Amino acid sequence: MAQFKVSGSMKVKTLKENFFDSFGAVLRVYYKNHFADDDATLASIRGEGDVKGGEFECGEQDLVGVFENFMEELYGIKVQIASPDNKKLAKNDMKLCDLVNMAPVKERGKRAKVTYRFNGGEYTQKNRFCQAVVRYYADQHPEARLEDLQKVFGEVQKYPMVASREQALTIFTSDGTAGGDYFLGEGDEIDVRGGKAFAWKYFSKTFFDPFMAKVKELGYEFEVVGEVEEN
């Protein structure tokens, strides 16, 4: 389950982009009686009075109304969630994971046009592409331990992108599922010296872009086929 993180230092533009990338829907952010400036931080536009600030996370199973209320209670910022085409507002009892289905049928799945070709494989999901890169690195470095892979690939949303099964099971999704943020299924294990490793499976644009920079830094060749859409 995707975890979406909000902090006061985040810019309005980044918040909206990450929300669209995570849930496939439009987030409208308001300041007083108009839309907030994209370059403003959340802390700079938060309401006066008893607002807490700080950080919070939500997941795909959370409700639209819960997310909107959190934003108002925590930051004093009014937000509304709209359909992917920004033509109608989502109902409060909708789950965030269902937002993408508000798009007309002909518009759904646009992001699936992109295919990543790497090491003889084709991946229409960027998380599977990321997993393939980690697996390839491990294959090319049979002496590498889990700790070595963690140093190379770093963190995603403050969690290690590569973890042991035991580590993964200590991390819970917003609905309390242990290890649900990692690929832990049959065939997902990656052989490393002294054990097995498992890759993270949720990548918003904020975390996918640095990963792609790492792929280029490693000198790995890949091909992106199709149109990369701007969210």
Protein backbone atom coordinates (compact mmCIF):
# COMPACT_ATOMS: atom_id res chain seq x y z
CA MET A 1 0.00 0.00 0.00
CA ALA A 2 1.36 3.36 -1.00
CA GLN A 3 2.28 5.72 1.81
CA PHE A 4 1.85 9.42 1.07
CA LYS A 5 3.76 11.77 3.33
CA VAL A 6 2.97 15.43 4.01
CA SER A 7 5.19 17.95 5.80
CA GLY A 8 5.02 21.68 6.39
CA SER A 9 8.22 22.35 4.45
CA MET A 10 6.70 20.86 1.29
CA LYS A 11 5.74 23.25 -1.51
CA VAL A 12 2.18 23.32 -2.78
CA LYS A 13 3.35 22.26 -6.24
CA THR A 14 5.23 19.26 -4.83
CA LEU A 15 2.24 18.24 -2.71
CA LYS A 16 -0.04 18.27 -5.75
CA GLU A 17 2.42 16.44 -7.99
CA ASN A 18 3.12 13.73 -5.41
CA PHE A 19 -0.59 13.29 -4.73
CA PHE A 20 -1.34 12.81 -8.42
CA ASP A 21 1.55 10.40 -8.82
CA SER A 22 0.47 8.38 -5.78
CA PHE A 23 -3.29 8.29 -6.32
CA GLY A 24 -3.91 9.44 -9.90
CA ALA A 25 -6.18 12.34 -8.91
CA VAL A 26 -6.01 16.13 -8.63
CA LEU A 27 -5.51 17.84 -5.28
CA ARG A 28 -6.87 21.38 -5.10
CA VAL A 29 -5.11 23.48 -2.46
CA TYR A 30 -6.64 26.75 -1.28
CA TYR A 31 -5.31 29.82 0.48
CA LYS A 32 -8.07 32.03 1.84
CA ASN A 33 -10.55 32.40 -1.02
CA HIS A 34 -8.37 31.35 -3.95
CA PHE A 35 -6.00 28.63 -5.09
CA ALA A 36 -2.67 28.60 -3.26
CA ASP A 37 0.52 29.67 -5.02
CA ASP A 38 2.42 26.62 -6.28
CA ASP A 39 5.71 27.96 -4.91
CA ALA A 40 4.39 28.54 -1.39
CA THR A 41 5.21 26.07 1.37
CA LEU A 42 2.41 24.52 3.37
CA ALA A 43 3.75 26.14 6.52
CA SER A 44 3.53 29.59 4.92
CA ILE A 45 -0.16 29.29 3.99
CA ARG A 46 -1.46 27.45 7.01
CA GLY A 47 -4.32 29.02 8.89
CA GLU A 48 -4.13 30.99 12.07
CA GLY A 49 -5.25 29.68 15.43
CA ASP A 50 -4.85 26.24 16.95
CA VAL A 51 -3.16 24.26 14.18
CA LYS A 52 -0.56 21.60 14.96
CA GLY A 53 1.68 21.54 11.89
CA GLY A 54 4.19 18.70 11.66
CA GLU A 55 4.01 15.61 9.46
CA PHE A 56 1.53 12.86 8.71
CA GLU A 57 1.19 9.91 6.36
CA CYS A 58 -1.81 8.38 4.68
CA GLY A 59 -2.33 5.30 2.56
CA GLU A 60 -4.45 4.04 -0.32
CA GLN A 61 -7.15 2.67 1.98
CA ASP A 62 -7.73 6.01 3.71
CA LEU A 63 -10.84 8.00 2.84
CA VAL A 64 -11.04 11.26 0.91
CA GLY A 65 -12.81 12.97 3.81
CA VAL A 66 -10.20 11.79 6.31
CA PHE A 67 -7.36 13.21 4.21
CA GLU A 68 -9.12 16.54 3.69
CA ASN A 69 -9.90 16.83 7.41
CA PHE A 70 -6.31 16.02 8.37
CA MET A 71 -5.05 18.83 6.15
CA GLU A 72 -7.42 21.32 7.75
CA GLU A 73 -6.83 20.15 11.32
CA LEU A 74 -3.05 19.84 11.03
CA TYR A 75 -2.29 22.86 8.85
CA GLY A 76 -5.46 24.91 8.69
CA ILE A 77 -5.35 24.42 4.92
CA LYS A 78 -8.47 23.67 2.94
CA VAL A 79 -8.00 21.07 0.21
CA GLN A 80 -10.38 19.22 -2.06
CA ILE A 81 -9.73 16.10 -4.07
CA ALA A 82 -10.95 16.07 -7.64
CA SER A 83 -11.14 13.50 -10.41
CA PRO A 84 -8.08 12.86 -12.60
CA ASP A 85 -9.50 15.20 -15.24
CA ASN A 86 -10.21 17.82 -12.54
CA LYS A 87 -13.88 18.03 -13.58
CA LYS A 88 -15.65 16.80 -10.44
CA LEU A 89 -14.99 16.45 -6.73
CA ALA A 90 -14.49 13.10 -5.03
CA LYS A 91 -17.00 11.95 -2.41
CA ASN A 92 -15.81 11.91 1.18
CA ASP A 93 -16.42 8.18 1.59
CA MET A 94 -14.25 7.21 -1.39
CA LYS A 95 -10.96 5.46 -0.75
CA LEU A 96 -7.85 7.12 -2.17
CA CYS A 97 -7.06 3.97 -4.14
CA ASP A 98 -10.35 4.35 -6.04
CA LEU A 99 -9.76 7.91 -7.20
CA VAL A 100 -8.16 6.91 -10.49
CA ASN A 101 -11.40 5.17 -11.46
CA MET A 102 -13.16 8.54 -11.58
CA ALA A 103 -11.48 9.20 -14.93
CA PRO A 104 -13.44 8.45 -18.10
CA VAL A 105 -12.65 4.95 -19.35
CA LYS A 106 -10.82 6.28 -22.39
CA GLU A 107 -8.47 8.26 -20.13
CA ARG A 108 -7.63 5.51 -17.64
CA GLY A 109 -4.26 3.84 -17.72
CA LYS A 110 -2.45 6.65 -19.54
CA ARG A 111 0.63 6.19 -17.39
CA ALA A 112 0.81 2.52 -18.46
CA LYS A 113 1.92 3.66 -21.93
CA VAL A 114 5.47 3.87 -20.66
CA THR A 115 7.59 0.71 -20.82
CA TYR A 116 11.05 0.41 -19.29
CA ARG A 117 13.40 -1.96 -21.11
CA PHE A 118 16.32 -3.18 -19.04
CA ASN A 119 18.65 -6.17 -19.19
CA GLY A 120 16.43 -8.03 -21.66
CA GLY A 121 13.20 -7.43 -19.76
CA GLU A 122 10.27 -5.08 -20.30
CA TYR A 123 8.47 -3.44 -17.38
CA THR A 124 5.28 -1.38 -17.59
CA GLN A 125 5.38 -0.78 -13.83
CA LYS A 126 8.20 1.39 -12.59
CA ASN A 127 8.37 -0.49 -9.28
CA ARG A 128 9.11 -3.72 -11.15
CA PHE A 129 11.75 -1.89 -13.14
CA CYS A 130 13.33 -0.71 -9.88
CA GLN A 131 13.24 -4.24 -8.51
CA ALA A 132 14.94 -5.52 -11.68
CA VAL A 133 17.72 -2.96 -11.29
CA VAL A 134 18.36 -4.02 -7.68
CA ARG A 135 18.39 -7.66 -8.74
CA TYR A 136 20.83 -6.93 -11.56
CA TYR A 137 23.15 -5.06 -9.19
CA ALA A 138 23.10 -8.01 -6.79
CA ASP A 139 23.83 -10.43 -9.62
CA GLN A 140 26.75 -8.29 -10.78
CA HIS A 141 28.12 -8.04 -7.23
CA PRO A 142 27.83 -11.54 -5.71
CA GLU A 143 30.06 -10.47 -2.83
CA ALA A 144 27.60 -7.74 -1.78
CA ARG A 145 25.65 -8.16 1.44
CA LEU A 146 22.28 -6.63 2.23
CA GLU A 147 23.97 -3.73 3.98
CA ASP A 148 25.94 -2.97 0.81
CA LEU A 149 22.77 -2.77 -1.28
CA GLN A 150 21.20 -0.50 1.30
CA LYS A 151 24.14 1.88 1.03
CA VAL A 152 23.89 1.93 -2.76
CA PHE A 153 20.12 2.39 -3.09
CA GLY A 154 19.36 4.37 0.06
CA GLU A 155 15.90 5.06 1.42
CA VAL A 156 12.37 5.60 0.14
CA GLN A 157 10.05 7.56 2.42
CA LYS A 158 12.58 7.12 5.27
CA TYR A 159 12.55 3.31 4.89
CA PRO A 160 15.35 1.23 3.28
CA MET A 161 14.61 0.55 -0.37
CA VAL A 162 16.12 -2.89 0.06
CA ALA A 163 15.39 -4.89 3.20
CA SER A 164 15.56 -8.37 4.62
CA ARG A 165 12.23 -10.13 5.15
CA GLU A 166 12.60 -9.58 8.88
CA GLN A 167 13.17 -5.85 8.40
CA ALA A 168 10.28 -5.54 5.96
CA LEU A 169 7.88 -7.18 8.40
CA THR A 170 8.66 -4.55 11.04
CA ILE A 171 7.26 -1.86 8.72
CA PHE A 172 3.48 -1.54 8.66
CA THR A 173 1.17 0.01 6.08
CA SER A 174 -1.52 2.44 7.22
CA ASP A 175 -4.03 -0.41 7.57
CA GLY A 176 -1.62 -2.40 9.76
CA THR A 177 -0.30 -4.87 7.18
CA ALA A 178 3.22 -5.97 8.06
CA GLY A 179 5.66 -5.83 5.16
CA GLY A 180 3.02 -4.68 2.68
CA ASP A 181 5.27 -1.98 1.24
CA TYR A 182 7.80 -4.52 -0.09
CA PHE A 183 7.71 -7.20 -2.78
CA LEU A 184 7.57 -10.28 -0.57
CA GLY A 185 5.83 -12.72 -2.91
CA GLU A 186 7.11 -15.92 -4.46
CA GLY A 187 10.06 -15.17 -6.72
CA ASP A 188 10.58 -11.68 -5.30
CA GLU A 189 13.62 -12.59 -3.21
CA ILE A 190 16.96 -11.24 -4.38
CA ASP A 191 20.05 -13.28 -3.55
CA VAL A 192 22.73 -11.45 -1.62
CA ARG A 193 25.73 -12.75 0.24
CA GLY A 194 24.50 -14.31 3.46
CA GLY A 195 20.77 -14.11 2.78
CA LYS A 196 17.88 -12.68 0.79
CA ALA A 197 16.83 -9.12 0.02
CA PHE A 198 13.48 -7.62 -0.97
CA ALA A 199 12.75 -4.39 -2.84
CA TRP A 200 10.37 -1.54 -1.96
CA LYS A 201 7.39 -1.31 -4.30
CA TYR A 202 5.91 2.21 -4.09
CA PHE A 203 7.57 5.03 -6.00
CA SER A 204 6.04 8.46 -6.38
CA LYS A 205 7.82 10.90 -8.68
CA THR A 206 9.64 12.36 -5.67
CA PHE A 207 11.43 9.05 -5.07
CA PHE A 208 11.50 7.62 -8.59
CA ASP A 209 13.53 10.51 -10.03
CA PRO A 210 16.44 10.05 -7.57
CA PHE A 211 16.34 6.32 -8.25
CA MET A 212 16.67 6.96 -11.98
CA ALA A 213 19.62 9.23 -11.25
CA LYS A 214 21.23 6.34 -9.35
CA VAL A 215 20.65 4.00 -12.31
CA LYS A 216 22.46 6.46 -14.57
CA GLU A 217 25.24 6.90 -12.00
CA LEU A 218 25.77 3.14 -12.01
CA GLY A 219 26.14 3.30 -15.79
CA TYR A 220 23.26 0.92 -16.48
CA GLU A 221 21.68 1.14 -19.90
CA PHE A 222 17.90 1.20 -20.16
CA GLU A 223 15.31 2.38 -22.64
CA VAL A 224 12.04 4.17 -22.02
CA VAL A 225 9.47 3.37 -24.68
CA GLY A 226 6.32 5.49 -24.97
CA GLU A 227 5.34 8.93 -23.84
CA VAL A 228 6.38 10.05 -20.36
CA GLU A 229 3.45 12.16 -19.24
CA GLU A 230 3.81 15.25 -17.12
CA ASN A 231 1.59 15.00 -14.04
